[in-house]
Amino acid sequence: MEDAAIIHLWKSYDKKLEESLSLNKKNAEDIMHMKVRSFLASMKPSKIFALLVGIGWVILADIILIGTFHIASPFFLVSAGIQVLLTKLAIGIYLYQLILIQRVDISEPILSTQEKLSRLKSSSLWCARILFLQLPVWTTFYLTPAMLASGNPWLLLLQLAVTTAFFCAAIWLFINIRYSNRHKKWFRAIFQGKEWDPVIKAMALLEQVEEYRR
């Protein structure tokens, strides 16, 4: 009789312990999901600000391009056109990211959230690549055919060197801005703050949740 009572008590204790562990596990997962949501929410103000500034800039640039189309230098028109086009692509990416952030649901499966975070990370990299492609046009928009025809040869050589350097830098960054380079100093210098850190922290938290479940 005593043995049966002890076994019953032991099973009862074991059941309560299992329920307690399950509850603690669920609470830990909920807290981590809330942290993920908080990290992503912290990105929204800076992205909305960048989006509004970008929209204002392209509207102003479009007005200038249209107003000076028949009198401006071809260098200005091409350089400004490329810059505006790339900025519009970046604006589209920012809109896409805001939609992704808004669609993250802390109650959805971890794999679904991880997939959204992966797309957010990838789009952040692409946005940086696109914006860095603007570098060369900032060194050519002020040129005119007359400057090239009758300019100082040394100044023209300096102009060529600067434009070439910016072009090479833009291509190098476009190729090398990859997640695999995230630990390098130059990458960390570019990707830091509200534009990048919350995504990485959120991904790390979800990885912890997945490991905890295992």
N, C-alpha and C. Protein backbone atom coordinates (compact mmCIF):
# COMPACT_ATOMS: atom_id res chain seq x y z
N MET A 1 0.83 -1.20 0.00
CA MET A 1 0.00 0.00 0.00
C MET A 1 0.87 1.25 0.00
N GLU A 2 1.89 1.20 0.86
CA GLU A 2 2.79 2.34 0.95
C GLU A 2 3.51 2.53 -0.37
N ASP A 3 3.93 1.42 -1.00
CA ASP A 3 4.62 1.52 -2.29
C ASP A 3 3.73 2.14 -3.34
N ALA A 4 2.47 1.76 -3.35
CA ALA A 4 1.53 2.32 -4.32
C ALA A 4 1.33 3.82 -4.11
N ALA A 5 1.29 4.24 -2.83
CA ALA A 5 1.12 5.66 -2.52
C ALA A 5 2.34 6.46 -2.96
N ILE A 6 3.53 5.88 -2.72
CA ILE A 6 4.77 6.56 -3.12
C ILE A 6 4.82 6.72 -4.64
N ILE A 7 4.45 5.64 -5.35
CA ILE A 7 4.45 5.68 -6.82
C ILE A 7 3.47 6.73 -7.33
N HIS A 8 2.29 6.77 -6.66
CA HIS A 8 1.28 7.76 -7.06
C HIS A 8 1.79 9.18 -6.85
N LEU A 9 2.42 9.42 -5.67
CA LEU A 9 2.98 10.73 -5.39
C LEU A 9 4.07 11.10 -6.39
N TRP A 10 4.89 10.12 -6.72
CA TRP A 10 6.00 10.35 -7.65
C TRP A 10 5.46 10.73 -9.04
N LYS A 11 4.43 10.00 -9.51
CA LYS A 11 3.85 10.30 -10.80
C LYS A 11 3.18 11.68 -10.81
N SER A 12 2.53 12.00 -9.67
CA SER A 12 1.88 13.29 -9.56
C SER A 12 2.91 14.42 -9.61
N TYR A 13 4.01 14.22 -8.88
CA TYR A 13 5.10 15.22 -8.88
C TYR A 13 5.71 15.36 -10.27
N ASP A 14 5.91 14.23 -10.93
CA ASP A 14 6.51 14.23 -12.26
C ASP A 14 5.62 14.96 -13.26
N LYS A 15 4.31 14.78 -13.13
CA LYS A 15 3.37 15.44 -14.02
C LYS A 15 3.38 16.95 -13.80
N LYS A 16 3.40 17.36 -12.52
CA LYS A 16 3.43 18.78 -12.21
C LYS A 16 4.72 19.42 -12.71
N LEU A 17 5.84 18.71 -12.56
CA LEU A 17 7.13 19.22 -13.03
C LEU A 17 7.12 19.40 -14.54
N GLU A 18 6.55 18.42 -15.22
CA GLU A 18 6.48 18.49 -16.69
C GLU A 18 5.61 19.65 -17.14
N GLU A 19 4.49 19.86 -16.45
CA GLU A 19 3.60 20.98 -16.78
C GLU A 19 4.30 22.31 -16.53
N SER A 20 5.06 22.36 -15.42
CA SER A 20 5.79 23.59 -15.09
C SER A 20 6.85 23.91 -16.13
N LEU A 21 7.58 22.88 -16.56
CA LEU A 21 8.61 23.08 -17.57
C LEU A 21 8.00 23.51 -18.91
N SER A 22 6.86 22.90 -19.24
CA SER A 22 6.18 23.24 -20.48
C SER A 22 5.70 24.69 -20.45
N LEU A 23 5.17 25.11 -19.28
CA LEU A 23 4.70 26.49 -19.13
C LEU A 23 5.86 27.48 -19.22
N ASN A 24 6.98 27.14 -18.56
CA ASN A 24 8.16 28.02 -18.61
C ASN A 24 8.70 28.13 -20.04
N LYS A 25 8.67 27.01 -20.74
CA LYS A 25 9.13 26.99 -22.13
C LYS A 25 8.26 27.88 -23.00
N LYS A 26 6.94 27.78 -22.80
CA LYS A 26 6.00 28.60 -23.57
C LYS A 26 6.19 30.08 -23.25
N ASN A 27 6.39 30.40 -21.96
CA ASN A 27 6.61 31.80 -21.56
C ASN A 27 7.89 32.36 -22.17
N ALA A 28 8.94 31.53 -22.17
CA ALA A 28 10.22 31.97 -22.74
C ALA A 28 10.07 32.25 -24.23
N GLU A 29 9.35 31.38 -24.93
CA GLU A 29 9.13 31.58 -26.36
C GLU A 29 8.33 32.86 -26.62
N ASP A 30 7.29 33.09 -25.80
CA ASP A 30 6.46 34.29 -25.98
C ASP A 30 7.29 35.55 -25.75
N ILE A 31 8.15 35.52 -24.73
CA ILE A 31 9.00 36.69 -24.43
C ILE A 31 9.94 36.96 -25.60
N MET A 32 10.54 35.89 -26.13
CA MET A 32 11.46 36.07 -27.25
C MET A 32 10.75 36.59 -28.49
N HIS A 33 9.53 36.10 -28.73
CA HIS A 33 8.76 36.60 -29.87
C HIS A 33 8.44 38.09 -29.69
N MET A 34 8.12 38.49 -28.48
CA MET A 34 7.83 39.90 -28.21
C MET A 34 9.08 40.76 -28.42
N LYS A 35 10.23 40.23 -28.05
CA LYS A 35 11.49 40.95 -28.28
C LYS A 35 11.76 41.11 -29.77
N VAL A 36 11.48 40.05 -30.53
CA VAL A 36 11.66 40.12 -31.99
C VAL A 36 10.80 41.24 -32.55
N ARG A 37 9.53 41.27 -32.14
CA ARG A 37 8.61 42.31 -32.61
C ARG A 37 9.10 43.70 -32.21
N SER A 38 9.65 43.81 -30.99
CA SER A 38 10.16 45.10 -30.51
C SER A 38 11.36 45.55 -31.33
N PHE A 39 12.26 44.62 -31.65
CA PHE A 39 13.43 44.94 -32.47
C PHE A 39 12.99 45.49 -33.83
N LEU A 40 12.03 44.80 -34.44
CA LEU A 40 11.58 45.21 -35.77
C LEU A 40 10.84 46.55 -35.72
N ALA A 41 10.06 46.75 -34.67
CA ALA A 41 9.32 48.01 -34.53
C ALA A 41 10.28 49.20 -34.39
N SER A 42 11.45 48.95 -33.80
CA SER A 42 12.42 50.03 -33.61
C SER A 42 13.02 50.50 -34.94
N MET A 43 12.86 49.68 -36.00
CA MET A 43 13.38 50.04 -37.31
C MET A 43 12.44 50.98 -38.06
N LYS A 44 11.17 50.96 -37.73
CA LYS A 44 10.17 51.67 -38.52
C LYS A 44 10.39 53.18 -38.59
N PRO A 45 10.68 53.88 -37.47
CA PRO A 45 10.83 55.34 -37.57
C PRO A 45 11.92 55.77 -38.54
N SER A 46 13.09 55.10 -38.48
CA SER A 46 14.19 55.50 -39.36
C SER A 46 13.86 55.18 -40.82
N LYS A 47 13.17 54.07 -41.06
CA LYS A 47 12.81 53.72 -42.43
C LYS A 47 11.73 54.65 -42.98
N ILE A 48 10.78 55.02 -42.16
CA ILE A 48 9.75 55.97 -42.60
C ILE A 48 10.38 57.33 -42.90
N PHE A 49 11.32 57.75 -42.04
CA PHE A 49 12.01 59.02 -42.27
C PHE A 49 12.79 58.98 -43.58
N ALA A 50 13.57 57.89 -43.79
CA ALA A 50 14.34 57.75 -45.03
C ALA A 50 13.42 57.71 -46.24
N LEU A 51 12.27 57.06 -46.09
CA LEU A 51 11.31 56.97 -47.19
C LEU A 51 10.77 58.35 -47.55
N LEU A 52 10.40 59.14 -46.55
CA LEU A 52 9.85 60.48 -46.81
C LEU A 52 10.90 61.40 -47.42
N VAL A 53 12.14 61.32 -46.90
CA VAL A 53 13.23 62.13 -47.46
C VAL A 53 13.50 61.73 -48.90
N GLY A 54 13.51 60.41 -49.15
CA GLY A 54 13.75 59.92 -50.50
C GLY A 54 12.68 60.37 -51.47
N ILE A 55 11.42 60.30 -51.06
CA ILE A 55 10.32 60.73 -51.93
C ILE A 55 10.43 62.23 -52.22
N GLY A 56 10.72 63.01 -51.17
CA GLY A 56 10.89 64.45 -51.36
C GLY A 56 12.03 64.77 -52.32
N TRP A 57 13.13 64.01 -52.17
CA TRP A 57 14.30 64.24 -53.02
C TRP A 57 13.99 63.92 -54.49
N VAL A 58 13.36 62.79 -54.77
CA VAL A 58 13.11 62.42 -56.17
C VAL A 58 12.08 63.35 -56.81
N ILE A 59 11.12 63.84 -56.03
CA ILE A 59 10.16 64.81 -56.57
C ILE A 59 10.88 66.08 -56.99
N LEU A 60 11.76 66.57 -56.10
CA LEU A 60 12.53 67.79 -56.40
C LEU A 60 13.43 67.57 -57.61
N ALA A 61 14.12 66.42 -57.63
CA ALA A 61 15.03 66.12 -58.74
C ALA A 61 14.28 65.99 -60.05
N ASP A 62 13.10 65.36 -60.03
CA ASP A 62 12.29 65.23 -61.25
C ASP A 62 11.85 66.60 -61.78
N ILE A 63 11.48 67.48 -60.87
CA ILE A 63 11.07 68.84 -61.27
C ILE A 63 12.24 69.57 -61.94
N ILE A 64 13.43 69.43 -61.33
CA ILE A 64 14.63 70.08 -61.90
C ILE A 64 14.97 69.49 -63.26
N LEU A 65 14.91 68.15 -63.37
CA LEU A 65 15.22 67.49 -64.64
C LEU A 65 14.26 67.92 -65.75
N ILE A 66 12.98 67.96 -65.43
CA ILE A 66 11.98 68.35 -66.44
C ILE A 66 12.16 69.82 -66.83
N GLY A 67 12.42 70.66 -65.82
CA GLY A 67 12.55 72.10 -66.08
C GLY A 67 13.81 72.48 -66.84
N THR A 68 14.86 71.67 -66.72
CA THR A 68 16.14 72.01 -67.37
C THR A 68 16.49 71.06 -68.51
N PHE A 69 15.54 70.25 -68.92
CA PHE A 69 15.83 69.21 -69.91
C PHE A 69 16.42 69.77 -71.21
N HIS A 70 15.94 70.93 -71.67
CA HIS A 70 16.37 71.47 -72.95
C HIS A 70 17.60 72.37 -72.84
N ILE A 71 18.02 72.69 -71.63
CA ILE A 71 19.15 73.60 -71.49
C ILE A 71 20.31 73.01 -70.69
N ALA A 72 20.07 71.94 -69.96
CA ALA A 72 21.12 71.38 -69.09
C ALA A 72 22.14 70.58 -69.90
N SER A 73 23.31 70.42 -69.30
CA SER A 73 24.37 69.61 -69.91
C SER A 73 23.95 68.15 -69.97
N PRO A 74 24.33 67.44 -71.03
CA PRO A 74 24.03 66.00 -71.10
C PRO A 74 24.58 65.24 -69.91
N PHE A 75 25.73 65.67 -69.40
CA PHE A 75 26.33 65.01 -68.23
C PHE A 75 25.41 65.14 -67.02
N PHE A 76 24.83 66.34 -66.86
CA PHE A 76 23.92 66.56 -65.74
C PHE A 76 22.66 65.71 -65.89
N LEU A 77 22.09 65.69 -67.09
CA LEU A 77 20.85 64.95 -67.31
C LEU A 77 21.04 63.46 -67.08
N VAL A 78 22.14 62.90 -67.62
CA VAL A 78 22.40 61.47 -67.45
C VAL A 78 22.71 61.14 -65.99
N SER A 79 23.59 61.95 -65.38
CA SER A 79 23.98 61.69 -63.98
C SER A 79 22.78 61.80 -63.05
N ALA A 80 22.01 62.87 -63.19
CA ALA A 80 20.83 63.06 -62.33
C ALA A 80 19.78 61.99 -62.60
N GLY A 81 19.62 61.62 -63.87
CA GLY A 81 18.65 60.57 -64.21
C GLY A 81 19.00 59.24 -63.56
N ILE A 82 20.29 58.87 -63.61
CA ILE A 82 20.73 57.62 -62.97
C ILE A 82 20.52 57.68 -61.47
N GLN A 83 20.88 58.81 -60.88
CA GLN A 83 20.75 58.97 -59.42
C GLN A 83 19.28 58.86 -58.99
N VAL A 84 18.40 59.52 -59.72
CA VAL A 84 16.97 59.48 -59.39
C VAL A 84 16.40 58.08 -59.57
N LEU A 85 16.80 57.40 -60.65
CA LEU A 85 16.31 56.05 -60.89
C LEU A 85 16.72 55.10 -59.77
N LEU A 86 17.98 55.17 -59.36
CA LEU A 86 18.46 54.29 -58.28
C LEU A 86 17.79 54.64 -56.96
N THR A 87 17.55 55.92 -56.72
CA THR A 87 16.86 56.33 -55.49
C THR A 87 15.43 55.81 -55.48
N LYS A 88 14.77 55.82 -56.63
CA LYS A 88 13.40 55.29 -56.71
C LYS A 88 13.38 53.78 -56.42
N LEU A 89 14.39 53.07 -56.90
CA LEU A 89 14.48 51.64 -56.59
C LEU A 89 14.65 51.43 -55.08
N ALA A 90 15.49 52.27 -54.45
CA ALA A 90 15.69 52.17 -53.00
C ALA A 90 14.40 52.48 -52.25
N ILE A 91 13.64 53.46 -52.73
CA ILE A 91 12.35 53.79 -52.11
C ILE A 91 11.41 52.60 -52.17
N GLY A 92 11.41 51.91 -53.32
CA GLY A 92 10.58 50.72 -53.45
C GLY A 92 10.97 49.64 -52.45
N ILE A 93 12.27 49.50 -52.22
CA ILE A 93 12.74 48.51 -51.25
C ILE A 93 12.32 48.89 -49.83
N TYR A 94 12.40 50.18 -49.51
CA TYR A 94 11.97 50.63 -48.18
C TYR A 94 10.49 50.37 -47.96
N LEU A 95 9.68 50.60 -48.98
CA LEU A 95 8.25 50.30 -48.86
C LEU A 95 8.03 48.81 -48.62
N TYR A 96 8.75 48.00 -49.37
CA TYR A 96 8.67 46.54 -49.23
C TYR A 96 9.06 46.12 -47.80
N GLN A 97 10.11 46.74 -47.25
CA GLN A 97 10.56 46.39 -45.91
C GLN A 97 9.54 46.79 -44.85
N LEU A 98 8.92 47.94 -45.01
CA LEU A 98 7.90 48.37 -44.05
C LEU A 98 6.71 47.41 -44.06
N ILE A 99 6.36 46.93 -45.24
CA ILE A 99 5.26 45.95 -45.34
C ILE A 99 5.66 44.66 -44.65
N LEU A 100 6.91 44.22 -44.86
CA LEU A 100 7.39 43.00 -44.20
C LEU A 100 7.35 43.13 -42.68
N ILE A 101 7.84 44.27 -42.18
CA ILE A 101 7.86 44.50 -40.72
C ILE A 101 6.44 44.47 -40.17
N GLN A 102 5.51 45.09 -40.90
CA GLN A 102 4.12 45.14 -40.45
C GLN A 102 3.48 43.75 -40.44
N ARG A 103 3.94 42.88 -41.34
CA ARG A 103 3.33 41.55 -41.46
C ARG A 103 3.90 40.52 -40.50
N VAL A 104 4.96 40.88 -39.78
CA VAL A 104 5.52 39.93 -38.82
C VAL A 104 4.54 39.77 -37.65
N ASP A 105 4.16 38.53 -37.41
CA ASP A 105 3.18 38.21 -36.36
C ASP A 105 3.87 37.30 -35.34
N ILE A 106 3.88 37.72 -34.07
CA ILE A 106 4.60 36.95 -33.05
C ILE A 106 3.94 35.60 -32.78
N SER A 107 2.69 35.43 -33.25
CA SER A 107 2.01 34.16 -33.00
C SER A 107 2.19 33.16 -34.15
N GLU A 108 2.80 33.61 -35.26
CA GLU A 108 2.98 32.72 -36.40
C GLU A 108 4.14 31.76 -36.16
N PRO A 109 4.25 30.69 -36.93
CA PRO A 109 5.35 29.74 -36.76
C PRO A 109 6.71 30.40 -36.93
N ILE A 110 7.71 29.87 -36.22
CA ILE A 110 9.05 30.46 -36.25
C ILE A 110 9.62 30.47 -37.66
N LEU A 111 9.40 29.39 -38.41
CA LEU A 111 9.94 29.32 -39.77
C LEU A 111 9.39 30.44 -40.65
N SER A 112 8.14 30.80 -40.46
CA SER A 112 7.53 31.86 -41.24
C SER A 112 8.17 33.21 -40.88
N THR A 113 8.38 33.44 -39.59
CA THR A 113 9.02 34.68 -39.15
C THR A 113 10.46 34.74 -39.63
N GLN A 114 11.17 33.62 -39.55
CA GLN A 114 12.55 33.58 -40.02
C GLN A 114 12.64 33.89 -41.51
N GLU A 115 11.66 33.41 -42.26
CA GLU A 115 11.65 33.66 -43.70
C GLU A 115 11.47 35.16 -43.98
N LYS A 116 10.60 35.82 -43.22
CA LYS A 116 10.40 37.26 -43.39
C LYS A 116 11.66 38.03 -43.00
N LEU A 117 12.30 37.61 -41.91
CA LEU A 117 13.53 38.27 -41.49
C LEU A 117 14.65 38.08 -42.51
N SER A 118 14.68 36.91 -43.11
CA SER A 118 15.69 36.65 -44.15
C SER A 118 15.47 37.58 -45.34
N ARG A 119 14.20 37.77 -45.72
CA ARG A 119 13.90 38.68 -46.83
C ARG A 119 14.23 40.13 -46.45
N LEU A 120 14.01 40.48 -45.18
CA LEU A 120 14.34 41.82 -44.70
C LEU A 120 15.85 42.05 -44.75
N LYS A 121 16.59 41.04 -44.33
CA LYS A 121 18.05 41.12 -44.38
C LYS A 121 18.55 41.25 -45.81
N SER A 122 18.04 40.40 -46.69
CA SER A 122 18.46 40.41 -48.09
C SER A 122 18.13 41.74 -48.77
N SER A 123 16.94 42.27 -48.50
CA SER A 123 16.55 43.54 -49.13
C SER A 123 17.39 44.70 -48.60
N SER A 124 17.82 44.64 -47.33
CA SER A 124 18.70 45.67 -46.79
C SER A 124 20.04 45.69 -47.52
N LEU A 125 20.55 44.51 -47.81
CA LEU A 125 21.81 44.40 -48.55
C LEU A 125 21.65 44.95 -49.97
N TRP A 126 20.53 44.60 -50.62
CA TRP A 126 20.30 45.07 -51.98
C TRP A 126 20.11 46.58 -52.02
N CYS A 127 19.46 47.12 -51.02
CA CYS A 127 19.26 48.57 -50.97
C CYS A 127 20.60 49.29 -50.89
N ALA A 128 21.50 48.78 -50.06
CA ALA A 128 22.83 49.38 -49.93
C ALA A 128 23.61 49.26 -51.24
N ARG A 129 23.54 48.10 -51.88
CA ARG A 129 24.22 47.92 -53.16
C ARG A 129 23.74 48.94 -54.19
N ILE A 130 22.44 49.10 -54.28
CA ILE A 130 21.87 50.02 -55.27
C ILE A 130 22.28 51.46 -54.99
N LEU A 131 22.22 51.87 -53.73
CA LEU A 131 22.57 53.24 -53.39
C LEU A 131 24.05 53.53 -53.63
N PHE A 132 24.92 52.56 -53.39
CA PHE A 132 26.35 52.78 -53.63
C PHE A 132 26.68 52.87 -55.12
N LEU A 133 25.81 52.36 -55.97
CA LEU A 133 26.02 52.50 -57.41
C LEU A 133 25.92 53.96 -57.85
N GLN A 134 25.39 54.83 -56.99
CA GLN A 134 25.28 56.25 -57.31
C GLN A 134 26.62 56.97 -57.22
N LEU A 135 27.59 56.39 -56.59
CA LEU A 135 28.85 57.09 -56.33
C LEU A 135 29.45 57.78 -57.55
N PRO A 136 29.61 57.11 -58.69
CA PRO A 136 30.27 57.77 -59.83
C PRO A 136 29.53 59.00 -60.34
N VAL A 137 28.19 58.98 -60.33
CA VAL A 137 27.45 60.10 -60.93
C VAL A 137 27.58 61.38 -60.12
N TRP A 138 27.98 61.26 -58.84
CA TRP A 138 28.21 62.47 -58.04
C TRP A 138 29.48 63.18 -58.46
N THR A 139 30.28 62.54 -59.31
CA THR A 139 31.52 63.16 -59.79
C THR A 139 31.41 63.61 -61.25
N THR A 140 30.23 63.48 -61.84
CA THR A 140 30.08 63.82 -63.27
C THR A 140 28.94 64.79 -63.55
N PHE A 141 28.03 65.01 -62.59
CA PHE A 141 26.84 65.81 -62.90
C PHE A 141 27.15 67.26 -63.24
N TYR A 142 28.30 67.78 -62.80
CA TYR A 142 28.65 69.19 -63.02
C TYR A 142 29.46 69.40 -64.31
N LEU A 143 29.80 68.33 -65.01
CA LEU A 143 30.61 68.45 -66.22
C LEU A 143 29.79 69.01 -67.38
N THR A 144 30.50 69.66 -68.32
CA THR A 144 29.88 70.15 -69.55
C THR A 144 30.80 69.81 -70.72
N PRO A 145 30.27 69.75 -71.93
CA PRO A 145 31.13 69.51 -73.10
C PRO A 145 32.23 70.55 -73.23
N ALA A 146 31.93 71.81 -72.88
CA ALA A 146 32.93 72.88 -72.99
C ALA A 146 34.10 72.64 -72.03
N MET A 147 33.80 72.14 -70.83
CA MET A 147 34.86 71.85 -69.86
C MET A 147 35.80 70.79 -70.39
N LEU A 148 35.28 69.79 -71.05
CA LEU A 148 36.11 68.72 -71.59
C LEU A 148 36.90 69.18 -72.81
N ALA A 149 36.31 70.08 -73.59
CA ALA A 149 36.97 70.53 -74.81
C ALA A 149 38.10 71.51 -74.54
N SER A 150 37.93 72.37 -73.56
CA SER A 150 38.93 73.42 -73.34
C SER A 150 39.44 73.49 -71.90
N GLY A 151 39.22 72.44 -71.13
CA GLY A 151 39.63 72.47 -69.74
C GLY A 151 41.12 72.22 -69.56
N ASN A 152 41.60 72.51 -68.36
CA ASN A 152 43.00 72.26 -68.00
C ASN A 152 43.26 70.75 -68.03
N PRO A 153 44.28 70.30 -68.78
CA PRO A 153 44.55 68.86 -68.88
C PRO A 153 44.77 68.18 -67.54
N TRP A 154 45.44 68.88 -66.62
CA TRP A 154 45.70 68.29 -65.30
C TRP A 154 44.40 68.13 -64.51
N LEU A 155 43.53 69.12 -64.63
CA LEU A 155 42.23 69.01 -63.95
C LEU A 155 41.38 67.90 -64.56
N LEU A 156 41.50 67.75 -65.88
CA LEU A 156 40.76 66.67 -66.54
C LEU A 156 41.29 65.30 -66.11
N LEU A 157 42.61 65.19 -65.96
CA LEU A 157 43.20 63.93 -65.46
C LEU A 157 42.74 63.65 -64.04
N LEU A 158 42.69 64.70 -63.21
CA LEU A 158 42.20 64.54 -61.84
C LEU A 158 40.75 64.10 -61.84
N GLN A 159 39.96 64.72 -62.72
CA GLN A 159 38.55 64.34 -62.85
C GLN A 159 38.41 62.88 -63.24
N LEU A 160 39.21 62.45 -64.21
CA LEU A 160 39.16 61.06 -64.66
C LEU A 160 39.56 60.11 -63.53
N ALA A 161 40.59 60.48 -62.77
CA ALA A 161 41.05 59.63 -61.66
C ALA A 161 39.99 59.50 -60.58
N VAL A 162 39.35 60.63 -60.25
CA VAL A 162 38.32 60.62 -59.20
C VAL A 162 37.11 59.80 -59.64
N THR A 163 36.65 60.02 -60.86
CA THR A 163 35.48 59.28 -61.38
C THR A 163 35.77 57.78 -61.46
N THR A 164 36.99 57.45 -61.92
CA THR A 164 37.37 56.03 -62.01
C THR A 164 37.41 55.40 -60.63
N ALA A 165 37.97 56.13 -59.65
CA ALA A 165 38.06 55.60 -58.28
C ALA A 165 36.66 55.36 -57.71
N PHE A 166 35.75 56.32 -57.92
CA PHE A 166 34.39 56.17 -57.41
C PHE A 166 33.66 55.03 -58.13
N PHE A 167 33.93 54.89 -59.43
CA PHE A 167 33.30 53.80 -60.18
C PHE A 167 33.78 52.45 -59.67
N CYS A 168 35.08 52.31 -59.46
CA CYS A 168 35.64 51.05 -58.95
C CYS A 168 35.12 50.74 -57.55
N ALA A 169 35.01 51.79 -56.71
CA ALA A 169 34.50 51.59 -55.35
C ALA A 169 33.05 51.12 -55.38
N ALA A 170 32.25 51.72 -56.29
CA ALA A 170 30.84 51.33 -56.39
C ALA A 170 30.69 49.89 -56.83
N ILE A 171 31.48 49.47 -57.82
CA ILE A 171 31.41 48.09 -58.31
C ILE A 171 31.90 47.12 -57.23
N TRP A 172 32.98 47.49 -56.55
CA TRP A 172 33.53 46.62 -55.49
C TRP A 172 32.51 46.42 -54.37
N LEU A 173 31.88 47.50 -53.95
CA LEU A 173 30.88 47.41 -52.88
C LEU A 173 29.66 46.62 -53.34
N PHE A 174 29.24 46.83 -54.59
CA PHE A 174 28.09 46.10 -55.12
C PHE A 174 28.35 44.59 -55.10
N ILE A 175 29.57 44.20 -55.40
CA ILE A 175 29.92 42.78 -55.44
C ILE A 175 30.13 42.21 -54.04
N ASN A 176 30.74 42.98 -53.16
CA ASN A 176 31.18 42.44 -51.87
C ASN A 176 30.22 42.67 -50.70
N ILE A 177 29.18 43.46 -50.91
CA ILE A 177 28.18 43.61 -49.84
C ILE A 177 27.36 42.33 -49.78
N ARG A 178 27.81 41.41 -48.97
CA ARG A 178 27.18 40.12 -48.77
C ARG A 178 27.12 39.79 -47.28
N TYR A 179 26.15 39.00 -46.92
CA TYR A 179 25.99 38.63 -45.50
C TYR A 179 27.20 37.86 -45.00
N SER A 180 27.88 37.14 -45.88
CA SER A 180 29.06 36.36 -45.47
C SER A 180 30.21 37.27 -45.04
N ASN A 181 30.15 38.55 -45.40
CA ASN A 181 31.21 39.50 -45.02
C ASN A 181 30.83 40.33 -43.79
N ARG A 182 29.77 39.93 -43.10
CA ARG A 182 29.22 40.74 -42.01
C ARG A 182 30.20 40.97 -40.85
N HIS A 183 31.22 40.10 -40.72
CA HIS A 183 32.16 40.25 -39.59
C HIS A 183 33.34 41.16 -39.93
N LYS A 184 33.43 41.59 -41.18
CA LYS A 184 34.56 42.44 -41.57
C LYS A 184 34.33 43.88 -41.14
N LYS A 185 35.42 44.60 -40.88
CA LYS A 185 35.32 45.95 -40.32
C LYS A 185 34.58 46.90 -41.25
N TRP A 186 34.90 46.86 -42.55
CA TRP A 186 34.26 47.79 -43.48
C TRP A 186 32.75 47.53 -43.56
N PHE A 187 32.36 46.26 -43.46
CA PHE A 187 30.93 45.91 -43.50
C PHE A 187 30.24 46.46 -42.25
N ARG A 188 30.86 46.26 -41.08
CA ARG A 188 30.26 46.75 -39.83
C ARG A 188 30.19 48.27 -39.80
N ALA A 189 31.14 48.93 -40.50
CA ALA A 189 31.11 50.39 -40.55
C ALA A 189 29.92 50.89 -41.36
N ILE A 190 29.52 50.12 -42.37
CA ILE A 190 28.38 50.49 -43.21
C ILE A 190 27.06 50.09 -42.59
N PHE A 191 27.00 48.85 -42.09
CA PHE A 191 25.75 48.31 -41.56
C PHE A 191 25.78 48.31 -40.04
N GLN A 192 25.22 49.35 -39.49
CA GLN A 192 25.09 49.44 -38.04
C GLN A 192 23.92 50.36 -37.70
N GLY A 193 23.48 50.31 -36.46
CA GLY A 193 22.38 51.16 -36.05
C GLY A 193 21.02 50.56 -36.38
N LYS A 194 20.01 51.40 -36.45
CA LYS A 194 18.61 50.97 -36.61
C LYS A 194 18.33 50.30 -37.95
N GLU A 195 19.20 50.48 -38.93
CA GLU A 195 18.97 49.90 -40.24
C GLU A 195 19.32 48.42 -40.31
N TRP A 196 20.15 47.95 -39.38
CA TRP A 196 20.70 46.60 -39.52
C TRP A 196 20.65 45.80 -38.23
N ASP A 197 21.07 46.40 -37.12
CA ASP A 197 21.20 45.67 -35.85
C ASP A 197 19.92 44.96 -35.43
N PRO A 198 18.73 45.60 -35.50
CA PRO A 198 17.51 44.91 -35.06
C PRO A 198 17.24 43.62 -35.83
N VAL A 199 17.53 43.60 -37.13
CA VAL A 199 17.29 42.39 -37.92
C VAL A 199 18.17 41.24 -37.44
N ILE A 200 19.45 41.54 -37.23
CA ILE A 200 20.40 40.52 -36.78
C ILE A 200 20.04 40.01 -35.39
N LYS A 201 19.67 40.92 -34.49
CA LYS A 201 19.29 40.52 -33.14
C LYS A 201 18.03 39.66 -33.15
N ALA A 202 17.07 40.04 -33.99
CA ALA A 202 15.83 39.27 -34.09
C ALA A 202 16.10 37.87 -34.63
N MET A 203 16.96 37.76 -35.63
CA MET A 203 17.29 36.45 -36.19
C MET A 203 17.99 35.58 -35.15
N ALA A 204 18.87 36.19 -34.37
CA ALA A 204 19.57 35.44 -33.32
C ALA A 204 18.60 34.93 -32.26
N LEU A 205 17.62 35.75 -31.90
CA LEU A 205 16.62 35.33 -30.92
C LEU A 205 15.79 34.15 -31.43
N LEU A 206 15.39 34.21 -32.69
CA LEU A 206 14.59 33.12 -33.25
C LEU A 206 15.40 31.83 -33.31
N GLU A 207 16.69 31.95 -33.56
CA GLU A 207 17.55 30.77 -33.56
C GLU A 207 17.61 30.16 -32.15
N GLN A 208 17.63 31.03 -31.13
CA GLN A 208 17.63 30.55 -29.75
C GLN A 208 16.32 29.80 -29.44
N VAL A 209 15.21 30.37 -29.92
CA VAL A 209 13.91 29.72 -29.70
C VAL A 209 13.89 28.34 -30.33
N GLU A 210 14.41 28.25 -31.55
CA GLU A 210 14.43 26.97 -32.25
C GLU A 210 15.30 25.96 -31.53
N GLU A 211 16.46 26.39 -31.04
CA GLU A 211 17.33 25.50 -30.29
C GLU A 211 16.69 25.07 -28.98
N TYR A 212 15.96 26.03 -28.34
CA TYR A 212 15.32 25.72 -27.07
C TYR A 212 14.23 24.67 -27.24
N ARG A 213 13.54 24.76 -28.39
CA ARG A 213 12.48 23.76 -28.67
C ARG A 213 13.06 22.36 -28.84
N ARG A 214 14.25 22.31 -29.42
CA ARG A 214 14.87 21.01 -29.62
C ARG A 214 15.30 20.38 -28.30
